[in-house]
Amino acid sequence: MHIMEGYLPNPWWEIWFILSFPVVAIGIRNLNKLVKEKREILPLLAVAGAFIFVLSSLKLPAASGSCSHPTGTGLSAILFGPSITCVLSAIVLVYQALFLAHGGLTTLGANLFSMGIAGPAVGYAAYRLAKKIRLNLYLSVFLAAALADLATYVTTSFQLALAFPASSGGVLTSFVAFAAIFALTQVPLAILEGAVTALMFKYLLQVRSDVLFELNVVSTKALNELEKEISA
């Protein structure tokens, strides 16, 4: 998903910066507020950021000018919401662009919009919907993480299609072509990421269920049901 340095032409890389900046600003405000109110979430915040960094660093060649990899943003979106996840993603993407030659500075806005905004927004919405209709907790986490991953790559395909429309068929034809190339690697990666995220969530639930409850990630009823399953 990381679009490489210098790959997007004018005015597209500037447009994605303009669209991403306000979300980062809102995320910083929300992050500062959350940390002031709940200092106990700092270790969990560090875990979520590290999870994004590790998974999104595992890249495979994909579409021209980009790559395919897990994103790790689903976990953070579930725990802290999309705006704070955007801030964590921005930190990761800047580090990767500067020190790992992964992505780029001119394409930072586009990469942040796909991985740090679109993906987490879809993952967060999926988790909240699954929670509302009372799906199994781990299945809810799996779906949220997998859909966040896939939404990232749908967005990247759209970004590339806008910048490089096909001579015949325009943006739509180009989008289908990019999405089809990404799908070869990304669908299995999304399934794998969903499973890994569910396992990570299970671990966090075992060690810090109190913090997850305070963040309104899990309800008392869900915790009681899980305790009954474990005891049975």
C-alpha atoms as a PDB file:
ATOM      1  CA  MET A   1       0.000   0.000   0.000  1.00  0.00           C
ATOM      2  CA  HIS A   2       2.942   2.368   0.571  1.00  0.00           C
ATOM      3  CA  ILE A   3       3.123   4.457  -2.601  1.00  0.00           C
ATOM      4  CA  MET A   4       6.798   5.127  -3.258  1.00  0.00           C
ATOM      5  CA  GLU A   5       8.494   8.515  -3.131  1.00  0.00           C
ATOM      6  CA  GLY A   6       7.824  10.770  -6.120  1.00  0.00           C
ATOM      7  CA  TYR A   7       5.355   8.394  -7.757  1.00  0.00           C
ATOM      8  CA  LEU A   8       2.232  10.579  -7.546  1.00  0.00           C
ATOM      9  CA  PRO A   9       2.126  13.549  -9.951  1.00  0.00           C
ATOM     10  CA  ASN A  10       0.781  17.025  -9.282  1.00  0.00           C
ATOM     11  CA  PRO A  11      -1.752  17.834  -7.947  1.00  0.00           C
ATOM     12  CA  TRP A  12      -2.575  14.473  -6.377  1.00  0.00           C
ATOM     13  CA  TRP A  13       0.098  14.232  -3.713  1.00  0.00           C
ATOM     14  CA  GLU A  14      -0.787  17.752  -2.542  1.00  0.00           C
ATOM     15  CA  ILE A  15      -4.521  16.945  -2.462  1.00  0.00           C
ATOM     16  CA  TRP A  16      -3.997  13.933  -0.181  1.00  0.00           C
ATOM     17  CA  PHE A  17      -1.895  16.045   2.184  1.00  0.00           C
ATOM     18  CA  ILE A  18      -4.693  18.611   2.382  1.00  0.00           C
ATOM     19  CA  LEU A  19      -7.303  15.921   3.084  1.00  0.00           C
ATOM     20  CA  SER A  20      -5.187  14.115   5.695  1.00  0.00           C
ATOM     21  CA  PHE A  21      -3.909  17.089   7.713  1.00  0.00           C
ATOM     22  CA  PRO A  22      -7.203  17.991   9.466  1.00  0.00           C
ATOM     23  CA  VAL A  23      -7.670  14.380  10.626  1.00  0.00           C
ATOM     24  CA  VAL A  24      -4.155  14.345  12.099  1.00  0.00           C
ATOM     25  CA  ALA A  25      -4.903  17.608  13.927  1.00  0.00           C
ATOM     26  CA  ILE A  26      -8.142  16.204  15.356  1.00  0.00           C
ATOM     27  CA  GLY A  27      -6.344  13.000  16.301  1.00  0.00           C
ATOM     28  CA  ILE A  28      -3.609  14.861  18.197  1.00  0.00           C
ATOM     29  CA  ARG A  29      -6.248  16.774  20.131  1.00  0.00           C
ATOM     30  CA  ASN A  30      -8.153  13.580  20.976  1.00  0.00           C
ATOM     31  CA  LEU A  31      -4.949  11.766  21.903  1.00  0.00           C
ATOM     32  CA  ASN A  32      -3.848  14.521  24.303  1.00  0.00           C
ATOM     33  CA  LYS A  33      -7.276  14.557  25.910  1.00  0.00           C
ATOM     34  CA  LEU A  34      -7.344  10.767  26.330  1.00  0.00           C
ATOM     35  CA  VAL A  35      -3.842  10.608  27.818  1.00  0.00           C
ATOM     36  CA  LYS A  36      -4.667  13.362  30.331  1.00  0.00           C
ATOM     37  CA  GLU A  37      -7.857  11.606  31.419  1.00  0.00           C
ATOM     38  CA  LYS A  38      -6.544   8.023  31.380  1.00  0.00           C
ATOM     39  CA  ARG A  39      -2.798   7.768  31.967  1.00  0.00           C
ATOM     40  CA  GLU A  40      -3.160   4.018  32.371  1.00  0.00           C
ATOM     41  CA  ILE A  41      -3.730   3.612  28.622  1.00  0.00           C
ATOM     42  CA  LEU A  42      -0.148   4.612  27.735  1.00  0.00           C
ATOM     43  CA  PRO A  43       1.220   1.029  27.629  1.00  0.00           C
ATOM     44  CA  LEU A  44      -1.745  -0.025  25.493  1.00  0.00           C
ATOM     45  CA  LEU A  45      -1.115   2.930  23.197  1.00  0.00           C
ATOM     46  CA  ALA A  46       2.508   1.849  22.802  1.00  0.00           C
ATOM     47  CA  VAL A  47       1.427  -1.715  21.986  1.00  0.00           C
ATOM     48  CA  ALA A  48      -1.025  -0.470  19.334  1.00  0.00           C
ATOM     49  CA  GLY A  49       1.656   1.724  17.733  1.00  0.00           C
ATOM     50  CA  ALA A  50       4.208  -1.100  17.736  1.00  0.00           C
ATOM     51  CA  PHE A  51       1.630  -3.446  16.216  1.00  0.00           C
ATOM     52  CA  ILE A  52       1.077  -1.017  13.326  1.00  0.00           C
ATOM     53  CA  PHE A  53       4.813  -0.587  12.805  1.00  0.00           C
ATOM     54  CA  VAL A  54       5.690  -4.287  12.768  1.00  0.00           C
ATOM     55  CA  LEU A  55       2.844  -5.449  10.535  1.00  0.00           C
ATOM     56  CA  SER A  56       3.080  -2.570   8.060  1.00  0.00           C
ATOM     57  CA  SER A  57       6.830  -3.135   7.664  1.00  0.00           C
ATOM     58  CA  LEU A  58       6.276  -6.619   6.216  1.00  0.00           C
ATOM     59  CA  LYS A  59       6.023  -5.569   2.583  1.00  0.00           C
ATOM     60  CA  LEU A  60       5.629  -7.535  -0.630  1.00  0.00           C
ATOM     61  CA  PRO A  61       5.883  -6.113  -4.184  1.00  0.00           C
ATOM     62  CA  ALA A  62       2.416  -5.496  -5.658  1.00  0.00           C
ATOM     63  CA  ALA A  63       1.087  -2.878  -8.073  1.00  0.00           C
ATOM     64  CA  SER A  64       3.557  -0.640  -9.876  1.00  0.00           C
ATOM     65  CA  GLY A  65       4.819   2.048  -7.516  1.00  0.00           C
ATOM     66  CA  SER A  66       3.333   0.401  -4.423  1.00  0.00           C
ATOM     67  CA  CYS A  67       3.502  -2.702  -2.240  1.00  0.00           C
ATOM     68  CA  SER A  68       1.288  -5.104  -0.336  1.00  0.00           C
ATOM     69  CA  HIS A  69       1.435  -5.794   3.410  1.00  0.00           C
ATOM     70  CA  PRO A  70      -0.688  -6.034   6.567  1.00  0.00           C
ATOM     71  CA  THR A  71      -1.503  -2.675   8.135  1.00  0.00           C
ATOM     72  CA  GLY A  72      -2.037  -3.380  11.841  1.00  0.00           C
ATOM     73  CA  THR A  73      -4.430  -0.440  12.169  1.00  0.00           C
ATOM     74  CA  GLY A  74      -7.514  -2.515  12.986  1.00  0.00           C
ATOM     75  CA  LEU A  75      -6.400  -3.126  16.577  1.00  0.00           C
ATOM     76  CA  SER A  76      -5.786   0.558  17.269  1.00  0.00           C
ATOM     77  CA  ALA A  77      -9.069   1.537  15.620  1.00  0.00           C
ATOM     78  CA  ILE A  78     -10.931  -0.848  17.919  1.00  0.00           C
ATOM     79  CA  LEU A  79      -9.114   0.410  21.027  1.00  0.00           C
ATOM     80  CA  PHE A  80      -8.822   4.147  20.397  1.00  0.00           C
ATOM     81  CA  GLY A  81     -10.904   5.064  17.347  1.00  0.00           C
ATOM     82  CA  PRO A  82      -9.935   6.303  13.871  1.00  0.00           C
ATOM     83  CA  SER A  83      -8.510   9.738  14.683  1.00  0.00           C
ATOM     84  CA  ILE A  84      -5.960   8.532  17.249  1.00  0.00           C
ATOM     85  CA  THR A  85      -5.068   5.636  14.950  1.00  0.00           C
ATOM     86  CA  CYS A  86      -4.347   8.255  12.282  1.00  0.00           C
ATOM     87  CA  VAL A  87      -1.746   9.861  14.559  1.00  0.00           C
ATOM     88  CA  LEU A  88      -0.080   6.516  15.314  1.00  0.00           C
ATOM     89  CA  SER A  89      -0.061   5.705  11.601  1.00  0.00           C
ATOM     90  CA  ALA A  90       1.481   9.079  10.776  1.00  0.00           C
ATOM     91  CA  ILE A  91       4.354   8.442  13.209  1.00  0.00           C
ATOM     92  CA  VAL A  92       4.945   4.992  11.716  1.00  0.00           C
ATOM     93  CA  LEU A  93       4.785   6.218   8.112  1.00  0.00           C
ATOM     94  CA  VAL A  94       7.213   9.098   8.724  1.00  0.00           C
ATOM     95  CA  TYR A  95       9.710   6.733  10.359  1.00  0.00           C
ATOM     96  CA  GLN A  96       9.369   4.184   7.552  1.00  0.00           C
ATOM     97  CA  ALA A  97       9.793   6.858   4.873  1.00  0.00           C
ATOM     98  CA  LEU A  98      12.901   8.336   6.516  1.00  0.00           C
ATOM     99  CA  PHE A  99      14.715   5.214   7.702  1.00  0.00           C
ATOM    100  CA  LEU A 100      13.337   2.198   5.826  1.00  0.00           C
ATOM    101  CA  ALA A 101      12.816   3.614   2.307  1.00  0.00           C
ATOM    102  CA  HIS A 102       9.241   2.416   2.678  1.00  0.00           C
ATOM    103  CA  GLY A 103       6.812   4.913   1.160  1.00  0.00           C
ATOM    104  CA  GLY A 104       7.944   8.510   0.852  1.00  0.00           C
ATOM    105  CA  LEU A 105       7.589  12.057   2.111  1.00  0.00           C
ATOM    106  CA  THR A 106       5.786  13.460  -0.938  1.00  0.00           C
ATOM    107  CA  THR A 107       3.403  10.497  -0.876  1.00  0.00           C
ATOM    108  CA  LEU A 108       2.957  10.637   2.904  1.00  0.00           C
ATOM    109  CA  GLY A 109      -0.450  12.307   2.618  1.00  0.00           C
ATOM    110  CA  ALA A 110      -1.772   9.634   0.261  1.00  0.00           C
ATOM    111  CA  ASN A 111      -0.340   6.762   2.313  1.00  0.00           C
ATOM    112  CA  LEU A 112      -1.705   8.260   5.509  1.00  0.00           C
ATOM    113  CA  PHE A 113      -5.161   8.719   4.013  1.00  0.00           C
ATOM    114  CA  SER A 114      -5.388   5.080   2.938  1.00  0.00           C
ATOM    115  CA  MET A 115      -3.688   3.362   5.892  1.00  0.00           C
ATOM    116  CA  GLY A 116      -4.340   5.860   8.685  1.00  0.00           C
ATOM    117  CA  ILE A 117      -7.790   7.235   7.843  1.00  0.00           C
ATOM    118  CA  ALA A 118      -9.844   5.102   5.437  1.00  0.00           C
ATOM    119  CA  GLY A 119      -8.790   1.704   6.821  1.00  0.00           C
ATOM    120  CA  PRO A 120      -9.241   2.563  10.515  1.00  0.00           C
ATOM    121  CA  ALA A 121     -12.592   4.261   9.839  1.00  0.00           C
ATOM    122  CA  VAL A 122     -13.929   1.101   8.184  1.00  0.00           C
ATOM    123  CA  GLY A 123     -12.451  -1.140  10.896  1.00  0.00           C
ATOM    124  CA  TYR A 124     -13.922   0.976  13.684  1.00  0.00           C
ATOM    125  CA  ALA A 125     -17.357   1.054  12.042  1.00  0.00           C
ATOM    126  CA  ALA A 126     -17.254  -2.721  11.478  1.00  0.00           C
ATOM    127  CA  TYR A 127     -16.370  -3.417  15.111  1.00  0.00           C
ATOM    128  CA  ARG A 128     -19.064  -1.105  16.477  1.00  0.00           C
ATOM    129  CA  LEU A 129     -21.684  -2.653  14.187  1.00  0.00           C
ATOM    130  CA  ALA A 130     -20.624  -6.179  15.145  1.00  0.00           C
ATOM    131  CA  LYS A 131     -20.759  -5.194  18.811  1.00  0.00           C
ATOM    132  CA  LYS A 132     -24.232  -3.726  18.351  1.00  0.00           C
ATOM    133  CA  ILE A 133     -25.634  -6.887  16.762  1.00  0.00           C
ATOM    134  CA  ARG A 134     -23.816  -8.988  19.411  1.00  0.00           C
ATOM    135  CA  LEU A 135     -21.483 -11.012  17.234  1.00  0.00           C
ATOM    136  CA  ASN A 136     -18.870 -13.116  18.970  1.00  0.00           C
ATOM    137  CA  LEU A 137     -16.203 -10.780  20.340  1.00  0.00           C
ATOM    138  CA  TYR A 138     -13.234 -12.404  18.609  1.00  0.00           C
ATOM    139  CA  LEU A 139     -15.122 -12.699  15.339  1.00  0.00           C
ATOM    140  CA  SER A 140     -15.898  -8.980  15.608  1.00  0.00           C
ATOM    141  CA  VAL A 141     -12.198  -8.189  16.038  1.00  0.00           C
ATOM    142  CA  PHE A 142     -11.288 -10.471  13.127  1.00  0.00           C
ATOM    143  CA  LEU A 143     -13.774  -8.785  10.797  1.00  0.00           C
ATOM    144  CA  ALA A 144     -12.762  -5.271  11.872  1.00  0.00           C
ATOM    145  CA  ALA A 145      -9.050  -5.915  11.274  1.00  0.00           C
ATOM    146  CA  ALA A 146      -9.568  -7.733   7.968  1.00  0.00           C
ATOM    147  CA  LEU A 147     -11.928  -5.069   6.613  1.00  0.00           C
ATOM    148  CA  ALA A 148      -9.601  -2.259   7.734  1.00  0.00           C
ATOM    149  CA  ASP A 149      -6.823  -3.935   5.772  1.00  0.00           C
ATOM    150  CA  LEU A 150      -8.942  -4.384   2.648  1.00  0.00           C
ATOM    151  CA  ALA A 151     -10.332  -0.837   2.837  1.00  0.00           C
ATOM    152  CA  THR A 152      -6.770   0.486   2.856  1.00  0.00           C
ATOM    153  CA  TYR A 153      -6.010  -1.234  -0.421  1.00  0.00           C
ATOM    154  CA  VAL A 154      -9.278  -0.271  -2.051  1.00  0.00           C
ATOM    155  CA  THR A 155      -8.399   3.336  -1.206  1.00  0.00           C
ATOM    156  CA  THR A 156      -4.865   2.984  -2.544  1.00  0.00           C
ATOM    157  CA  SER A 157      -6.229   1.501  -5.768  1.00  0.00           C
ATOM    158  CA  PHE A 158      -8.540   4.506  -6.080  1.00  0.00           C
ATOM    159  CA  GLN A 159      -5.676   6.928  -5.420  1.00  0.00           C
ATOM    160  CA  LEU A 160      -3.528   5.320  -8.116  1.00  0.00           C
ATOM    161  CA  ALA A 161      -6.457   5.215 -10.535  1.00  0.00           C
ATOM    162  CA  LEU A 162      -7.113   8.940 -10.078  1.00  0.00           C
ATOM    163  CA  ALA A 163      -3.460   9.735 -10.705  1.00  0.00           C
ATOM    164  CA  PHE A 164      -3.087   7.321 -13.631  1.00  0.00           C
ATOM    165  CA  PRO A 165      -6.441   6.871 -15.421  1.00  0.00           C
ATOM    166  CA  ALA A 166      -6.476   4.349 -18.250  1.00  0.00           C
ATOM    167  CA  SER A 167      -6.404   5.750 -21.775  1.00  0.00           C
ATOM    168  CA  SER A 168      -9.487   3.644 -22.493  1.00  0.00           C
ATOM    169  CA  GLY A 169     -12.076   3.522 -19.712  1.00  0.00           C
ATOM    170  CA  GLY A 170     -10.519   6.184 -17.519  1.00  0.00           C
ATOM    171  CA  VAL A 171     -10.447   6.009 -13.705  1.00  0.00           C
ATOM    172  CA  LEU A 172     -12.855   3.076 -13.363  1.00  0.00           C
ATOM    173  CA  THR A 173     -10.854   0.791 -15.651  1.00  0.00           C
ATOM    174  CA  SER A 174      -7.632   1.783 -13.935  1.00  0.00           C
ATOM    175  CA  PHE A 175      -9.176   1.203 -10.488  1.00  0.00           C
ATOM    176  CA  VAL A 176     -10.297  -2.307 -11.427  1.00  0.00           C
ATOM    177  CA  ALA A 177      -6.823  -3.100 -12.753  1.00  0.00           C
ATOM    178  CA  PHE A 178      -5.010  -1.870  -9.629  1.00  0.00           C
ATOM    179  CA  ALA A 179      -7.509  -3.525  -7.262  1.00  0.00           C
ATOM    180  CA  ALA A 180      -7.217  -6.859  -9.093  1.00  0.00           C
ATOM    181  CA  ILE A 181      -3.422  -6.817  -8.773  1.00  0.00           C
ATOM    182  CA  PHE A 182      -3.603  -5.980  -5.059  1.00  0.00           C
ATOM    183  CA  ALA A 183      -6.241  -8.670  -4.442  1.00  0.00           C
ATOM    184  CA  LEU A 184      -3.818 -11.470  -5.317  1.00  0.00           C
ATOM    185  CA  THR A 185      -1.745 -10.795  -2.220  1.00  0.00           C
ATOM    186  CA  GLN A 186      -4.011  -8.674  -0.071  1.00  0.00           C
ATOM    187  CA  VAL A 187      -7.040 -10.931   0.416  1.00  0.00           C
ATOM    188  CA  PRO A 188      -4.985 -13.695   2.078  1.00  0.00           C
ATOM    189  CA  LEU A 189      -3.000 -11.079   4.007  1.00  0.00           C
ATOM    190  CA  ALA A 190      -6.222  -9.514   5.289  1.00  0.00           C
ATOM    191  CA  ILE A 191      -7.446 -12.887   6.533  1.00  0.00           C
ATOM    192  CA  LEU A 192      -4.109 -13.514   8.232  1.00  0.00           C
ATOM    193  CA  GLU A 193      -4.117 -10.039   9.782  1.00  0.00           C
ATOM    194  CA  GLY A 194      -7.632 -10.591  11.123  1.00  0.00           C
ATOM    195  CA  ALA A 195      -6.535 -13.810  12.830  1.00  0.00           C
ATOM    196  CA  VAL A 196      -3.354 -12.283  14.290  1.00  0.00           C
ATOM    197  CA  THR A 197      -5.279  -9.253  15.557  1.00  0.00           C
ATOM    198  CA  ALA A 198      -7.886 -11.479  17.225  1.00  0.00           C
ATOM    199  CA  LEU A 199      -5.097 -13.361  19.017  1.00  0.00           C
ATOM    200  CA  MET A 200      -3.488 -10.095  20.122  1.00  0.00           C
ATOM    201  CA  PHE A 201      -6.855  -8.826  21.350  1.00  0.00           C
ATOM    202  CA  LYS A 202      -7.372 -12.038  23.330  1.00  0.00           C
ATOM    203  CA  TYR A 203      -4.027 -11.489  25.043  1.00  0.00           C
ATOM    204  CA  LEU A 204      -4.852  -7.855  25.863  1.00  0.00           C
ATOM    205  CA  LEU A 205      -8.201  -8.942  27.226  1.00  0.00           C
ATOM    206  CA  GLN A 206      -6.494 -11.401  29.543  1.00  0.00           C
ATOM    207  CA  VAL A 207      -3.940  -8.926  30.907  1.00  0.00           C
ATOM    208  CA  ARG A 208      -5.798  -5.574  30.787  1.00  0.00           C
ATOM    209  CA  SER A 209      -9.534  -6.198  30.604  1.00  0.00           C
ATOM    210  CA  ASP A 210     -10.042  -3.303  33.051  1.00  0.00           C
ATOM    211  CA  VAL A 211      -8.579  -0.783  30.585  1.00  0.00           C
ATOM    212  CA  LEU A 212     -10.571  -2.212  27.671  1.00  0.00           C
ATOM    213  CA  PHE A 213     -13.703  -1.808  29.751  1.00  0.00           C
ATOM    214  CA  GLU A 214     -12.819   1.818  30.571  1.00  0.00           C
ATOM    215  CA  LEU A 215     -12.284   2.532  26.874  1.00  0.00           C
ATOM    216  CA  ASN A 216     -15.738   1.055  26.139  1.00  0.00           C
ATOM    217  CA  VAL A 217     -14.166  -1.553  23.885  1.00  0.00           C
ATOM    218  CA  VAL A 218     -15.877  -4.414  25.710  1.00  0.00           C
ATOM    219  CA  SER A 219     -18.995  -4.436  27.872  1.00  0.00           C
ATOM    220  CA  THR A 220     -19.474  -5.980  31.300  1.00  0.00           C
ATOM    221  CA  LYS A 221     -21.799  -8.528  29.748  1.00  0.00           C
ATOM    222  CA  ALA A 222     -19.203  -9.584  27.194  1.00  0.00           C
ATOM    223  CA  LEU A 223     -16.561  -9.943  29.907  1.00  0.00           C
ATOM    224  CA  ASN A 224     -18.894 -12.068  32.032  1.00  0.00           C
ATOM    225  CA  GLU A 225     -19.711 -14.310  29.079  1.00  0.00           C
ATOM    226  CA  LEU A 226     -16.018 -14.802  28.311  1.00  0.00           C
ATOM    227  CA  GLU A 227     -15.289 -15.644  31.948  1.00  0.00           C
ATOM    228  CA  LYS A 228     -18.061 -18.259  31.875  1.00  0.00           C
ATOM    229  CA  GLU A 229     -16.584 -19.791  28.704  1.00  0.00           C
ATOM    230  CA  ILE A 230     -13.120 -19.952  30.290  1.00  0.00           C
ATOM    231  CA  SER A 231     -14.417 -21.473  33.542  1.00  0.00           C
ATOM    232  CA  ALA A 232     -16.524 -24.019  31.621  1.00  0.00           C
END
